Amino acid sequence: MPYFNFDLVIGAEFKCQGGMILENMESAIDKADSLVSELCIVRPELCSTGCAVRVTDGDSNELYRAPVQLIGRG
């Protein structure tokens, strides 16, 4: 099973939020989206600043990026 890393992207800065072994990329995307939902609750100030959660593989290749925004906003 592959290992995925999760980072909070604030501007040009990447803050590691940890990593985990997951079954597949779909599971990593679901986890990133879940992290975004949690961040909107605990850090609502991030929702209007262009922040994102990104998923990278073991070689630091970016695989997915989810913007931190309130549900219903585009």
Protein backbone atom coordinates (compact mmCIF):
# COMPACT_ATOMS: atom_id res chain seq x y z
CA MET A 1 0.00 0.00 0.00
CA PRO A 2 1.29 3.49 -0.82
CA TYR A 3 2.34 6.15 1.68
CA PHE A 4 0.84 9.63 1.30
CA ASN A 5 1.91 12.92 2.91
CA PHE A 6 -0.50 15.75 3.72
CA ASP A 7 0.62 19.40 3.80
CA LEU A 8 -1.16 22.63 4.64
CA VAL A 9 -0.29 25.10 1.89
CA ILE A 10 -0.21 28.73 2.99
CA GLY A 11 1.12 30.93 0.22
CA ALA A 12 4.47 29.46 -0.82
CA GLU A 13 4.87 27.62 2.49
CA PHE A 14 4.13 23.93 3.02
CA LYS A 15 3.43 22.83 6.60
CA CYS A 16 3.52 19.07 7.04
CA GLN A 17 0.35 17.71 8.62
CA GLY A 18 1.59 14.13 8.68
CA GLY A 19 1.40 11.10 6.51
CA MET A 20 -0.19 7.70 6.36
CA ILE A 21 -0.38 4.47 4.47
CA LEU A 22 -3.65 4.26 2.57
CA GLU A 23 -5.14 1.74 0.20
CA ASN A 24 -5.15 3.98 -2.88
CA MET A 25 -5.25 7.53 -4.25
CA GLU A 26 -9.02 7.73 -3.82
CA SER A 27 -8.60 7.17 -0.08
CA ALA A 28 -5.93 9.90 0.05
CA ILE A 29 -8.26 12.33 -1.73
CA ASP A 30 -11.05 11.51 0.73
CA LYS A 31 -8.66 12.12 3.64
CA ALA A 32 -7.51 15.46 2.20
CA ASP A 33 -11.12 16.58 1.72
CA SER A 34 -11.85 15.54 5.31
CA LEU A 35 -8.87 17.58 6.53
CA VAL A 36 -10.22 20.60 4.63
CA SER A 37 -13.60 20.22 6.35
CA GLU A 38 -11.92 20.03 9.76
CA LEU A 39 -9.75 23.07 9.04
CA CYS A 40 -12.81 25.12 8.10
CA ILE A 41 -14.20 24.41 11.57
CA VAL A 42 -11.08 24.84 13.70
CA ARG A 43 -9.30 27.50 11.60
CA PRO A 44 -12.05 29.41 9.72
CA GLU A 45 -9.63 32.27 9.01
CA LEU A 46 -7.87 29.99 6.49
CA CYS A 47 -11.00 29.75 4.34
CA SER A 48 -10.54 33.19 2.82
CA THR A 49 -6.77 33.19 2.33
CA GLY A 50 -6.27 30.80 -0.58
CA CYS A 51 -4.87 27.99 1.58
CA ALA A 52 -5.05 24.35 0.52
CA VAL A 53 -4.31 20.82 1.63
CA ARG A 54 -2.05 18.96 -0.76
CA VAL A 55 -1.29 15.28 -1.04
CA THR A 56 2.15 14.09 -2.10
CA ASP A 57 3.64 10.68 -2.66
CA GLY A 58 6.82 9.28 -1.13
CA ASP A 59 8.90 11.13 -3.73
CA SER A 60 7.24 14.50 -2.89
CA ASN A 61 5.29 14.57 -6.16
CA GLU A 62 2.05 16.52 -5.72
CA LEU A 63 -0.91 14.28 -6.50
CA TYR A 64 -3.89 16.34 -5.35
CA ARG A 65 -4.70 19.77 -3.92
CA ALA A 66 -7.94 20.72 -2.16
CA PRO A 67 -8.62 24.41 -1.45
CA VAL A 68 -9.57 25.30 2.11
CA GLN A 69 -12.96 26.92 1.63
CA LEU A 70 -16.34 26.78 3.28
CA ILE A 71 -18.78 24.31 1.75
CA GLY A 72 -21.04 26.06 -0.68
CA ARG A 73 -18.42 28.61 -1.69
CA GLY A 74 -16.75 28.40 -5.04
